[in-house]
Protein backbone atom coordinates (compact mmCIF):
# COMPACT_ATOMS: atom_id res chain seq x y z
CA UNK A 1 0.00 0.00 0.00
CA UNK A 2 1.29 3.48 -0.71
CA UNK A 3 2.07 5.72 2.24
CA UNK A 4 -0.58 8.26 3.19
CA UNK A 5 0.84 9.98 6.24
CA UNK A 6 3.54 9.62 8.83
CA UNK A 7 2.74 9.40 12.52
CA UNK A 8 3.71 12.27 14.76
CA UNK A 9 6.78 11.92 16.94
CA UNK A 10 9.06 14.14 18.97
CA UNK A 11 12.83 14.36 19.20
CA UNK A 12 12.77 12.09 22.26
CA UNK A 13 13.40 8.97 20.20
CA UNK A 14 9.82 7.72 20.01
CA UNK A 15 8.98 5.34 17.19
CA UNK A 16 7.49 6.71 14.01
CA UNK A 17 5.70 4.89 11.23
CA UNK A 18 4.01 5.50 7.92
CA UNK A 19 0.28 4.88 7.73
CA UNK A 20 -0.78 3.12 4.51
CA UNK A 21 -3.33 4.78 2.27
CA UNK A 22 -6.84 3.65 3.14
CA UNK A 23 -6.19 3.03 6.84
CA UNK A 24 -8.46 5.21 8.97
CA UNK A 25 -7.64 6.34 12.49
CA UNK A 26 -9.79 4.54 15.05
CA UNK A 27 -10.90 5.44 18.55
CA UNK A 28 -8.16 5.04 21.15
CA UNK A 29 -8.68 2.85 24.20
CA UNK A 30 -6.62 2.05 27.29
CA UNK A 31 -2.91 1.46 26.50
CA UNK A 32 -3.29 2.43 22.82
CA UNK A 33 -0.91 4.92 21.25
CA UNK A 34 -2.63 4.57 17.87
CA UNK A 35 -5.45 2.57 16.29
CA UNK A 36 -6.21 2.08 12.61
CA UNK A 37 -9.23 0.50 10.94
CA UNK A 38 -8.77 -1.19 7.57
CA UNK A 39 -11.80 -1.71 5.33
CA UNK A 40 -11.94 -4.86 3.25
CA UNK A 41 -14.22 -6.32 0.64
CA UNK A 42 -17.87 -6.93 1.47
CA UNK A 43 -17.81 -4.78 4.61
CA UNK A 44 -15.01 -6.77 6.27
CA UNK A 45 -12.82 -4.82 8.69
CA UNK A 46 -9.55 -5.32 10.51
CA UNK A 47 -7.97 -3.23 13.26
CA UNK A 48 -4.31 -2.47 13.92
CA UNK A 49 -3.58 -1.45 17.50
CA UNK A 50 -0.31 0.15 18.62
CA UNK A 51 0.14 -0.02 22.39
CA UNK A 52 2.78 1.06 24.86
CA UNK A 53 3.10 -0.34 28.36
CA UNK A 54 5.55 0.43 31.12
CA UNK A 55 7.80 -2.54 31.86
CA UNK A 56 6.82 -5.78 30.19
CA UNK A 57 3.06 -5.41 30.74
CA UNK A 58 2.87 -8.82 32.40
CA UNK A 59 5.11 -10.52 29.85
CA UNK A 60 4.78 -11.55 26.23
CA UNK A 61 2.66 -14.66 26.81
CA UNK A 62 0.29 -12.80 29.16
CA UNK A 63 -0.24 -10.10 26.54
CA UNK A 64 -0.80 -12.60 23.74
CA UNK A 65 -3.39 -14.38 25.89
CA UNK A 66 -5.11 -11.06 26.70
CA UNK A 67 -5.36 -10.34 22.96
CA UNK A 68 -6.57 -13.89 22.26
CA UNK A 69 -9.26 -13.42 24.90
CA UNK A 70 -10.39 -10.21 23.20
CA UNK A 71 -10.88 -12.26 20.03
CA UNK A 72 -12.75 -15.04 21.84
CA UNK A 73 -9.83 -17.48 21.50
CA UNK A 74 -8.58 -19.79 24.28
CA UNK A 75 -5.25 -19.00 25.98
CA UNK A 76 -1.93 -20.36 24.74
CA UNK A 77 0.70 -22.15 26.77
CA UNK A 78 4.33 -21.23 26.06
CA UNK A 79 4.60 -24.34 23.83
CA UNK A 80 1.39 -23.39 21.95
CA UNK A 81 2.81 -19.95 21.19
CA UNK A 82 6.06 -21.06 19.51
CA UNK A 83 4.68 -21.94 16.04
CA UNK A 84 2.82 -18.59 15.85
CA UNK A 85 5.61 -16.23 16.95
CA UNK A 86 8.06 -14.41 14.69
CA UNK A 87 10.85 -12.21 16.02
CA UNK A 88 11.86 -8.98 14.27
CA UNK A 89 14.53 -6.42 15.09
CA UNK A 90 13.38 -2.82 15.55
CA UNK A 91 16.12 -0.28 16.15
CA UNK A 92 18.32 -2.93 17.77
CA UNK A 93 15.63 -4.42 20.04
CA UNK A 94 13.81 -7.73 19.50
CA UNK A 95 10.04 -7.63 19.08
CA UNK A 96 7.60 -10.50 18.72
CA UNK A 97 4.86 -10.67 16.12
CA UNK A 98 2.13 -13.26 16.64
CA UNK A 99 -0.35 -14.47 14.05
CA UNK A 100 -3.67 -14.76 15.88
PDB file of N, CA and C in Angstrom:
ATOM      1  N   UNK A   1       0.841  -1.181   0.000  1.00  0.00           N
ATOM      2  CA  UNK A   1       0.000   0.000   0.000  1.00  0.00           C
ATOM      3  C   UNK A   1       0.886   1.244   0.000  1.00  0.00           C
ATOM      4  N   UNK A   2       0.510   2.256  -0.742  1.00  0.00           N
ATOM      5  CA  UNK A   2       1.295   3.480  -0.713  1.00  0.00           C
ATOM      6  C   UNK A   2       1.105   4.217   0.605  1.00  0.00           C
ATOM      7  N   UNK A   3       2.125   4.973   0.985  1.00  0.00           N
ATOM      8  CA  UNK A   3       2.072   5.716   2.243  1.00  0.00           C
ATOM      9  C   UNK A   3       1.116   6.889   2.119  1.00  0.00           C
ATOM     10  N   UNK A   4       0.349   7.135   3.169  1.00  0.00           N
ATOM     11  CA  UNK A   4      -0.577   8.257   3.189  1.00  0.00           C
ATOM     12  C   UNK A   4      -0.081   9.358   4.105  1.00  0.00           C
ATOM     13  N   UNK A   5       0.405   8.983   5.268  1.00  0.00           N
ATOM     14  CA  UNK A   5       0.840   9.976   6.236  1.00  0.00           C
ATOM     15  C   UNK A   5       1.812   9.325   7.197  1.00  0.00           C
ATOM     16  N   UNK A   6       2.628  10.121   7.810  1.00  0.00           N
ATOM     17  CA  UNK A   6       3.537   9.617   8.834  1.00  0.00           C
ATOM     18  C   UNK A   6       2.943   9.944  10.190  1.00  0.00           C
ATOM     19  N   UNK A   7       3.210   9.107  11.171  1.00  0.00           N
ATOM     20  CA  UNK A   7       2.744   9.398  12.517  1.00  0.00           C
ATOM     21  C   UNK A   7       3.539  10.564  13.083  1.00  0.00           C
ATOM     22  N   UNK A   8       2.990  11.180  14.114  1.00  0.00           N
ATOM     23  CA  UNK A   8       3.710  12.265  14.763  1.00  0.00           C
ATOM     24  C   UNK A   8       4.677  11.684  15.774  1.00  0.00           C
ATOM     25  N   UNK A   9       5.787  12.345  15.962  1.00  0.00           N
ATOM     26  CA  UNK A   9       6.784  11.916  16.941  1.00  0.00           C
ATOM     27  C   UNK A   9       7.584  13.133  17.370  1.00  0.00           C
ATOM     28  N   UNK A  10       8.213  13.048  18.524  1.00  0.00           N
ATOM     29  CA  UNK A  10       9.064  14.144  18.971  1.00  0.00           C
ATOM     30  C   UNK A  10      10.522  13.736  18.868  1.00  0.00           C
ATOM     31  N   UNK A  11      11.393  14.623  19.283  1.00  0.00           N
ATOM     32  CA  UNK A  11      12.825  14.364  19.198  1.00  0.00           C
ATOM     33  C   UNK A  11      13.301  13.445  20.314  1.00  0.00           C
ATOM     34  N   UNK A  12      12.402  12.944  21.142  1.00  0.00           N
ATOM     35  CA  UNK A  12      12.766  12.095  22.263  1.00  0.00           C
ATOM     36  C   UNK A  12      13.011  10.649  21.891  1.00  0.00           C
ATOM     37  N   UNK A  13      13.097  10.325  20.610  1.00  0.00           N
ATOM     38  CA  UNK A  13      13.403   8.967  20.202  1.00  0.00           C
ATOM     39  C   UNK A  13      12.199   8.043  20.132  1.00  0.00           C
ATOM     40  N   UNK A  14      10.998   8.572  20.134  1.00  0.00           N
ATOM     41  CA  UNK A  14       9.815   7.718  20.014  1.00  0.00           C
ATOM     42  C   UNK A  14       9.737   7.146  18.606  1.00  0.00           C
ATOM     43  N   UNK A  15       9.133   5.977  18.489  1.00  0.00           N
ATOM     44  CA  UNK A  15       8.976   5.336  17.192  1.00  0.00           C
ATOM     45  C   UNK A  15       8.067   6.154  16.285  1.00  0.00           C
ATOM     46  N   UNK A  16       8.347   6.097  15.017  1.00  0.00           N
ATOM     47  CA  UNK A  16       7.485   6.706  14.009  1.00  0.00           C
ATOM     48  C   UNK A  16       7.150   5.640  12.984  1.00  0.00           C
ATOM     49  N   UNK A  17       6.090   5.841  12.250  1.00  0.00           N
ATOM     50  CA  UNK A  17       5.698   4.895  11.226  1.00  0.00           C
ATOM     51  C   UNK A  17       4.932   5.631  10.151  1.00  0.00           C
ATOM     52  N   UNK A  18       4.769   4.962   9.033  1.00  0.00           N
ATOM     53  CA  UNK A  18       4.011   5.501   7.918  1.00  0.00           C
ATOM     54  C   UNK A  18       2.689   4.745   7.835  1.00  0.00           C
ATOM     55  N   UNK A  19       1.611   5.480   7.777  1.00  0.00           N
ATOM     56  CA  UNK A  19       0.278   4.882   7.726  1.00  0.00           C
ATOM     57  C   UNK A  19      -0.095   4.643   6.264  1.00  0.00           C
ATOM     58  N   UNK A  20      -0.404   3.402   5.902  1.00  0.00           N
ATOM     59  CA  UNK A  20      -0.776   3.124   4.509  1.00  0.00           C
ATOM     60  C   UNK A  20      -2.057   3.833   4.096  1.00  0.00           C
ATOM     61  N   UNK A  21      -2.130   4.171   2.826  1.00  0.00           N
ATOM     62  CA  UNK A  21      -3.327   4.776   2.267  1.00  0.00           C
ATOM     63  C   UNK A  21      -4.528   3.857   2.504  1.00  0.00           C
ATOM     64  N   UNK A  22      -5.617   4.418   2.907  1.00  0.00           N
ATOM     65  CA  UNK A  22      -6.844   3.649   3.136  1.00  0.00           C
ATOM     66  C   UNK A  22      -7.059   3.260   4.578  1.00  0.00           C
ATOM     67  N   UNK A  23      -6.023   3.318   5.409  1.00  0.00           N
ATOM     68  CA  UNK A  23      -6.188   3.034   6.839  1.00  0.00           C
ATOM     69  C   UNK A  23      -6.772   4.272   7.502  1.00  0.00           C
ATOM     70  N   UNK A  24      -7.808   4.101   8.270  1.00  0.00           N
ATOM     71  CA  UNK A  24      -8.463   5.209   8.967  1.00  0.00           C
ATOM     72  C   UNK A  24      -8.130   5.154  10.451  1.00  0.00           C
ATOM     73  N   UNK A  25      -7.895   6.320  11.043  1.00  0.00           N
ATOM     74  CA  UNK A  25      -7.639   6.343  12.486  1.00  0.00           C
ATOM     75  C   UNK A  25      -8.888   5.892  13.230  1.00  0.00           C
ATOM     76  N   UNK A  26      -8.696   5.030  14.230  1.00  0.00           N
ATOM     77  CA  UNK A  26      -9.794   4.542  15.046  1.00  0.00           C
ATOM     78  C   UNK A  26      -9.776   5.201  16.417  1.00  0.00           C
ATOM     79  N   UNK A  27     -10.773   4.879  17.206  1.00  0.00           N
ATOM     80  CA  UNK A  27     -10.904   5.438  18.551  1.00  0.00           C
ATOM     81  C   UNK A  27      -9.907   4.766  19.490  1.00  0.00           C
ATOM     82  N   UNK A  28      -9.148   5.569  20.217  1.00  0.00           N
ATOM     83  CA  UNK A  28      -8.159   5.039  21.152  1.00  0.00           C
ATOM     84  C   UNK A  28      -8.838   4.473  22.392  1.00  0.00           C
ATOM     85  N   UNK A  29      -8.224   3.467  22.955  1.00  0.00           N
ATOM     86  CA  UNK A  29      -8.677   2.855  24.202  1.00  0.00           C
ATOM     87  C   UNK A  29      -7.472   2.756  25.134  1.00  0.00           C
ATOM     88  N   UNK A  30      -7.686   2.182  26.300  1.00  0.00           N
ATOM     89  CA  UNK A  30      -6.621   2.052  27.288  1.00  0.00           C
ATOM     90  C   UNK A  30      -5.385   1.391  26.664  1.00  0.00           C
ATOM     91  N   UNK A  31      -4.219   1.938  26.942  1.00  0.00           N
ATOM     92  CA  UNK A  31      -2.912   1.457  26.503  1.00  0.00           C
ATOM     93  C   UNK A  31      -2.598   1.753  25.040  1.00  0.00           C
ATOM     94  N   UNK A  32      -3.554   2.235  24.245  1.00  0.00           N
ATOM     95  CA  UNK A  32      -3.290   2.427  22.822  1.00  0.00           C
ATOM     96  C   UNK A  32      -2.636   3.768  22.544  1.00  0.00           C
ATOM     97  N   UNK A  33      -1.579   3.716  21.738  1.00  0.00           N
ATOM     98  CA  UNK A  33      -0.910   4.915  21.248  1.00  0.00           C
ATOM     99  C   UNK A  33      -1.556   5.325  19.925  1.00  0.00           C
ATOM    100  N   UNK A  34      -1.977   4.328  19.155  1.00  0.00           N
ATOM    101  CA  UNK A  34      -2.635   4.569  17.872  1.00  0.00           C
ATOM    102  C   UNK A  34      -3.536   3.378  17.560  1.00  0.00           C
ATOM    103  N   UNK A  35      -4.569   3.639  16.772  1.00  0.00           N
ATOM    104  CA  UNK A  35      -5.447   2.573  16.293  1.00  0.00           C
ATOM    105  C   UNK A  35      -5.855   2.922  14.872  1.00  0.00           C
ATOM    106  N   UNK A  36      -5.821   1.900  14.004  1.00  0.00           N
ATOM    107  CA  UNK A  36      -6.208   2.084  12.613  1.00  0.00           C
ATOM    108  C   UNK A  36      -7.221   1.013  12.236  1.00  0.00           C
ATOM    109  N   UNK A  37      -8.207   1.412  11.436  1.00  0.00           N
ATOM    110  CA  UNK A  37      -9.227   0.497  10.941  1.00  0.00           C
ATOM    111  C   UNK A  37      -9.016   0.362   9.437  1.00  0.00           C
ATOM    112  N   UNK A  38      -9.017  -0.888   8.980  1.00  0.00           N
ATOM    113  CA  UNK A  38      -8.769  -1.190   7.574  1.00  0.00           C
ATOM    114  C   UNK A  38     -10.040  -1.810   7.006  1.00  0.00           C
ATOM    115  N   UNK A  39     -10.582  -1.194   5.971  1.00  0.00           N
ATOM    116  CA  UNK A  39     -11.796  -1.706   5.334  1.00  0.00           C
ATOM    117  C   UNK A  39     -11.418  -2.719   4.266  1.00  0.00           C
ATOM    118  N   UNK A  40     -12.165  -3.830   4.252  1.00  0.00           N
ATOM    119  CA  UNK A  40     -11.940  -4.864   3.253  1.00  0.00           C
ATOM    120  C   UNK A  40     -13.151  -5.029   2.360  1.00  0.00           C
ATOM    121  N   UNK A  41     -13.119  -6.035   1.547  1.00  0.00           N
ATOM    122  CA  UNK A  41     -14.221  -6.320   0.638  1.00  0.00           C
ATOM    123  C   UNK A  41     -15.455  -6.785   1.402  1.00  0.00           C
ATOM    124  N   UNK A  42     -16.621  -6.451   0.906  1.00  0.00           N
ATOM    125  CA  UNK A  42     -17.872  -6.931   1.474  1.00  0.00           C
ATOM    126  C   UNK A  42     -18.131  -6.462   2.899  1.00  0.00           C
ATOM    127  N   UNK A  43     -17.591  -5.311   3.270  1.00  0.00           N
ATOM    128  CA  UNK A  43     -17.813  -4.784   4.609  1.00  0.00           C
ATOM    129  C   UNK A  43     -16.893  -5.357   5.677  1.00  0.00           C
ATOM    130  N   UNK A  44     -15.952  -6.218   5.292  1.00  0.00           N
ATOM    131  CA  UNK A  44     -15.007  -6.774   6.272  1.00  0.00           C
ATOM    132  C   UNK A  44     -14.110  -5.664   6.805  1.00  0.00           C
ATOM    133  N   UNK A  45     -13.703  -5.791   8.068  1.00  0.00           N
ATOM    134  CA  UNK A  45     -12.815  -4.817   8.685  1.00  0.00           C
ATOM    135  C   UNK A  45     -11.752  -5.520   9.510  1.00  0.00           C
ATOM    136  N   UNK A  46     -10.616  -4.876   9.620  1.00  0.00           N
ATOM    137  CA  UNK A  46      -9.548  -5.321  10.511  1.00  0.00           C
ATOM    138  C   UNK A  46      -9.075  -4.098  11.276  1.00  0.00           C
ATOM    139  N   UNK A  47      -8.505  -4.325  12.462  1.00  0.00           N
ATOM    140  CA  UNK A  47      -7.972  -3.228  13.261  1.00  0.00           C
ATOM    141  C   UNK A  47      -6.504  -3.487  13.561  1.00  0.00           C
ATOM    142  N   UNK A  48      -5.714  -2.425  13.524  1.00  0.00           N
ATOM    143  CA  UNK A  48      -4.313  -2.472  13.920  1.00  0.00           C
ATOM    144  C   UNK A  48      -4.183  -1.587  15.149  1.00  0.00           C
ATOM    145  N   UNK A  49      -3.751  -2.179  16.254  1.00  0.00           N
ATOM    146  CA  UNK A  49      -3.578  -1.448  17.504  1.00  0.00           C
ATOM    147  C   UNK A  49      -2.100  -1.314  17.813  1.00  0.00           C
ATOM    148  N   UNK A  50      -1.680  -0.116  18.183  1.00  0.00           N
ATOM    149  CA  UNK A  50      -0.312   0.145  18.621  1.00  0.00           C
ATOM    150  C   UNK A  50      -0.400   0.529  20.086  1.00  0.00           C
ATOM    151  N   UNK A  51       0.231  -0.282  20.957  1.00  0.00           N
ATOM    152  CA  UNK A  51       0.142  -0.022  22.389  1.00  0.00           C
ATOM    153  C   UNK A  51       1.523   0.178  22.987  1.00  0.00           C
ATOM    154  N   UNK A  52       1.536   0.835  24.137  1.00  0.00           N
ATOM    155  CA  UNK A  52       2.777   1.060  24.859  1.00  0.00           C
ATOM    156  C   UNK A  52       2.499   0.848  26.334  1.00  0.00           C
ATOM    157  N   UNK A  53       3.268  -0.040  26.946  1.00  0.00           N
ATOM    158  CA  UNK A  53       3.100  -0.345  28.361  1.00  0.00           C
ATOM    159  C   UNK A  53       4.415  -0.126  29.082  1.00  0.00           C
ATOM    160  N   UNK A  54       4.340   0.321  30.312  1.00  0.00           N
ATOM    161  CA  UNK A  54       5.551   0.433  31.122  1.00  0.00           C
ATOM    162  C   UNK A  54       5.999  -0.979  31.500  1.00  0.00           C
ATOM    163  N   UNK A  55       7.294  -1.208  31.521  1.00  0.00           N
ATOM    164  CA  UNK A  55       7.795  -2.542  31.857  1.00  0.00           C
ATOM    165  C   UNK A  55       7.421  -3.523  30.777  1.00  0.00           C
ATOM    166  N   UNK A  56       7.159  -4.758  31.178  1.00  0.00           N
ATOM    167  CA  UNK A  56       6.819  -5.780  30.187  1.00  0.00           C
ATOM    168  C   UNK A  56       5.321  -6.049  30.104  1.00  0.00           C
ATOM    169  N   UNK A  57       4.511  -5.279  30.837  1.00  0.00           N
ATOM    170  CA  UNK A  57       3.059  -5.409  30.742  1.00  0.00           C
ATOM    171  C   UNK A  57       2.546  -6.781  31.131  1.00  0.00           C
ATOM    172  N   UNK A  58       3.273  -7.482  31.983  1.00  0.00           N
ATOM    173  CA  UNK A  58       2.874  -8.825  32.396  1.00  0.00           C
ATOM    174  C   UNK A  58       3.601  -9.915  31.643  1.00  0.00           C
ATOM    175  N   UNK A  59       4.361  -9.546  30.640  1.00  0.00           N
ATOM    176  CA  UNK A  59       5.112 -10.521  29.852  1.00  0.00           C
ATOM    177  C   UNK A  59       4.454 -10.784  28.507  1.00  0.00           C
ATOM    178  N   UNK A  60       5.245 -11.326  27.599  1.00  0.00           N
ATOM    179  CA  UNK A  60       4.785 -11.553  26.232  1.00  0.00           C
ATOM    180  C   UNK A  60       3.605 -12.513  26.183  1.00  0.00           C
ATOM    181  N   UNK A  61       3.732 -13.663  26.845  1.00  0.00           N
ATOM    182  CA  UNK A  61       2.659 -14.662  26.812  1.00  0.00           C
ATOM    183  C   UNK A  61       1.373 -14.107  27.424  1.00  0.00           C
ATOM    184  N   UNK A  62       1.481 -13.387  28.520  1.00  0.00           N
ATOM    185  CA  UNK A  62       0.293 -12.805  29.160  1.00  0.00           C
ATOM    186  C   UNK A  62      -0.413 -11.833  28.215  1.00  0.00           C
ATOM    187  N   UNK A  63       0.364 -11.036  27.486  1.00  0.00           N
ATOM    188  CA  UNK A  63      -0.242 -10.099  26.542  1.00  0.00           C
ATOM    189  C   UNK A  63      -0.888 -10.821  25.371  1.00  0.00           C
ATOM    190  N   UNK A  64      -0.212 -11.828  24.841  1.00  0.00           N
ATOM    191  CA  UNK A  64      -0.800 -12.604  23.744  1.00  0.00           C
ATOM    192  C   UNK A  64      -2.125 -13.216  24.196  1.00  0.00           C
ATOM    193  N   UNK A  65      -2.156 -13.770  25.403  1.00  0.00           N
ATOM    194  CA  UNK A  65      -3.390 -14.379  25.894  1.00  0.00           C
ATOM    195  C   UNK A  65      -4.484 -13.346  26.147  1.00  0.00           C
ATOM    196  N   UNK A  66      -4.107 -12.130  26.547  1.00  0.00           N
ATOM    197  CA  UNK A  66      -5.113 -11.059  26.698  1.00  0.00           C
ATOM    198  C   UNK A  66      -5.718 -10.749  25.336  1.00  0.00           C
ATOM    199  N   UNK A  67      -4.858 -10.621  24.310  1.00  0.00           N
ATOM    200  CA  UNK A  67      -5.357 -10.338  22.965  1.00  0.00           C
ATOM    201  C   UNK A  67      -6.198 -11.497  22.439  1.00  0.00           C
ATOM    202  N   UNK A  68      -5.772 -12.727  22.692  1.00  0.00           N
ATOM    203  CA  UNK A  68      -6.568 -13.892  22.262  1.00  0.00           C
ATOM    204  C   UNK A  68      -7.940 -13.859  22.918  1.00  0.00           C
ATOM    205  N   UNK A  69      -7.979 -13.522  24.206  1.00  0.00           N
ATOM    206  CA  UNK A  69      -9.256 -13.420  24.905  1.00  0.00           C
ATOM    207  C   UNK A  69     -10.170 -12.372  24.291  1.00  0.00           C
ATOM    208  N   UNK A  70      -9.597 -11.260  23.840  1.00  0.00           N
ATOM    209  CA  UNK A  70     -10.392 -10.210  23.201  1.00  0.00           C
ATOM    210  C   UNK A  70     -11.002 -10.694  21.890  1.00  0.00           C
ATOM    211  N   UNK A  71     -10.371 -11.693  21.279  1.00  0.00           N
ATOM    212  CA  UNK A  71     -10.881 -12.262  20.029  1.00  0.00           C
ATOM    213  C   UNK A  71     -11.742 -13.502  20.250  1.00  0.00           C
ATOM    214  N   UNK A  72     -11.958 -13.860  21.529  1.00  0.00           N
ATOM    215  CA  UNK A  72     -12.750 -15.038  21.843  1.00  0.00           C
ATOM    216  C   UNK A  72     -11.992 -16.341  21.664  1.00  0.00           C
ATOM    217  N   UNK A  73     -10.652 -16.289  21.662  1.00  0.00           N
ATOM    218  CA  UNK A  73      -9.829 -17.483  21.498  1.00  0.00           C
ATOM    219  C   UNK A  73      -9.330 -17.972  22.853  1.00  0.00           C
ATOM    220  N   UNK A  74      -9.096 -19.273  23.004  1.00  0.00           N
ATOM    221  CA  UNK A  74      -8.581 -19.789  24.278  1.00  0.00           C
ATOM    222  C   UNK A  74      -7.121 -19.388  24.480  1.00  0.00           C
ATOM    223  N   UNK A  75      -6.649 -19.378  25.720  1.00  0.00           N
ATOM    224  CA  UNK A  75      -5.252 -19.000  25.981  1.00  0.00           C
ATOM    225  C   UNK A  75      -4.264 -20.019  25.444  1.00  0.00           C
ATOM    226  N   UNK A  76      -3.057 -19.535  25.163  1.00  0.00           N
ATOM    227  CA  UNK A  76      -1.928 -20.355  24.744  1.00  0.00           C
ATOM    228  C   UNK A  76      -1.077 -20.709  25.953  1.00  0.00           C
ATOM    229  N   UNK A  77      -0.423 -21.865  25.890  1.00  0.00           N
ATOM    230  CA  UNK A  77       0.705 -22.149  26.775  1.00  0.00           C
ATOM    231  C   UNK A  77       1.948 -21.652  26.037  1.00  0.00           C
ATOM    232  N   UNK A  78       3.089 -21.645  26.708  1.00  0.00           N
ATOM    233  CA  UNK A  78       4.335 -21.232  26.059  1.00  0.00           C
ATOM    234  C   UNK A  78       4.615 -22.111  24.834  1.00  0.00           C
ATOM    235  N   UNK A  79       4.368 -23.416  24.951  1.00  0.00           N
ATOM    236  CA  UNK A  79       4.597 -24.340  23.826  1.00  0.00           C
ATOM    237  C   UNK A  79       3.626 -24.064  22.676  1.00  0.00           C
ATOM    238  N   UNK A  80       2.369 -23.708  22.992  1.00  0.00           N
ATOM    239  CA  UNK A  80       1.389 -23.386  21.949  1.00  0.00           C
ATOM    240  C   UNK A  80       1.815 -22.176  21.137  1.00  0.00           C
ATOM    241  N   UNK A  81       2.459 -21.218  21.815  1.00  0.00           N
ATOM    242  CA  UNK A  81       2.814 -19.949  21.193  1.00  0.00           C
ATOM    243  C   UNK A  81       3.918 -20.081  20.141  1.00  0.00           C
ATOM    244  N   UNK A  82       4.861 -20.974  20.353  1.00  0.00           N
ATOM    245  CA  UNK A  82       6.062 -21.060  19.512  1.00  0.00           C
ATOM    246  C   UNK A  82       5.797 -21.089  18.004  1.00  0.00           C
ATOM    247  N   UNK A  83       4.867 -21.911  17.499  1.00  0.00           N
ATOM    248  CA  UNK A  83       4.679 -21.940  16.041  1.00  0.00           C
ATOM    249  C   UNK A  83       4.075 -20.656  15.466  1.00  0.00           C
ATOM    250  N   UNK A  84       3.505 -19.790  16.318  1.00  0.00           N
ATOM    251  CA  UNK A  84       2.819 -18.593  15.850  1.00  0.00           C
ATOM    252  C   UNK A  84       3.636 -17.320  16.017  1.00  0.00           C
ATOM    253  N   UNK A  85       4.812 -17.419  16.637  1.00  0.00           N
ATOM    254  CA  UNK A  85       5.606 -16.233  16.948  1.00  0.00           C
ATOM    255  C   UNK A  85       6.744 -16.046  15.961  1.00  0.00           C
ATOM    256  N   UNK A  86       6.931 -14.819  15.523  1.00  0.00           N
ATOM    257  CA  UNK A  86       8.064 -14.414  14.694  1.00  0.00           C
ATOM    258  C   UNK A  86       8.759 -13.268  15.401  1.00  0.00           C
ATOM    259  N   UNK A  87      10.080 -13.284  15.404  1.00  0.00           N
ATOM    260  CA  UNK A  87      10.855 -12.208  16.016  1.00  0.00           C
ATOM    261  C   UNK A  87      11.362 -11.274  14.913  1.00  0.00           C
ATOM    262  N   UNK A  88      11.275  -9.967  15.166  1.00  0.00           N
ATOM    263  CA  UNK A  88      11.860  -8.981  14.266  1.00  0.00           C
ATOM    264  C   UNK A  88      12.736  -8.046  15.096  1.00  0.00           C
ATOM    265  N   UNK A  89      13.660  -7.384  14.440  1.00  0.00           N
ATOM    266  CA  UNK A  89      14.527  -6.424  15.095  1.00  0.00           C
ATOM    267  C   UNK A  89      14.047  -5.023  14.742  1.00  0.00           C
ATOM    268  N   UNK A  90      13.794  -4.203  15.763  1.00  0.00           N
ATOM    269  CA  UNK A  90      13.376  -2.821  15.554  1.00  0.00           C
ATOM    270  C   UNK A  90      14.346  -1.933  16.315  1.00  0.00           C
ATOM    271  N   UNK A  91      15.134  -1.213  15.585  1.00  0.00           N
ATOM    272  CA  UNK A  91      16.119  -0.284  16.154  1.00  0.00           C
ATOM    273  C   UNK A  91      16.979  -0.994  17.205  1.00  0.00           C
ATOM    274  N   UNK A  92      17.418  -2.199  16.897  1.00  0.00           N
ATOM    275  CA  UNK A  92      18.320  -2.928  17.773  1.00  0.00           C
ATOM    276  C   UNK A  92      17.661  -3.669  18.916  1.00  0.00           C
ATOM    277  N   UNK A  93      16.340  -3.697  18.983  1.00  0.00           N
ATOM    278  CA  UNK A  93      15.631  -4.418  20.044  1.00  0.00           C
ATOM    279  C   UNK A  93      14.733  -5.480  19.424  1.00  0.00           C
ATOM    280  N   UNK A  94      14.666  -6.673  20.049  1.00  0.00           N
ATOM    281  CA  UNK A  94      13.812  -7.732  19.505  1.00  0.00           C
ATOM    282  C   UNK A  94      12.340  -7.487  19.834  1.00  0.00           C
ATOM    283  N   UNK A  95      11.489  -7.736  18.877  1.00  0.00           N
ATOM    284  CA  UNK A  95      10.040  -7.631  19.081  1.00  0.00           C
ATOM    285  C   UNK A  95       9.393  -8.898  18.528  1.00  0.00           C
ATOM    286  N   UNK A  96       8.322  -9.323  19.177  1.00  0.00           N
ATOM    287  CA  UNK A  96       7.597 -10.500  18.717  1.00  0.00           C
ATOM    288  C   UNK A  96       6.352 -10.115  17.966  1.00  0.00           C
ATOM    289  N   UNK A  97       6.097 -10.826  16.891  1.00  0.00           N
ATOM    290  CA  UNK A  97       4.861 -10.673  16.118  1.00  0.00           C
ATOM    291  C   UNK A  97       4.170 -12.030  16.169  1.00  0.00           C
ATOM    292  N   UNK A  98       2.885 -12.021  16.504  1.00  0.00           N
ATOM    293  CA  UNK A  98       2.129 -13.263  16.641  1.00  0.00           C
ATOM    294  C   UNK A  98       0.940 -13.245  15.695  1.00  0.00           C
ATOM    295  N   UNK A  99       0.795 -14.302  14.928  1.00  0.00           N
ATOM    296  CA  UNK A  99      -0.353 -14.472  14.047  1.00  0.00           C
ATOM    297  C   UNK A  99      -1.482 -15.071  14.870  1.00  0.00           C
ATOM    298  N   UNK A 100      -2.526 -14.285  15.113  1.00  0.00           N
ATOM    299  CA  UNK A 100      -3.670 -14.759  15.882  1.00  0.00           C
ATOM    300  C   UNK A 100      -4.773 -15.223  14.970  1.00  0.00           C
TER     301      UNK A 100
END
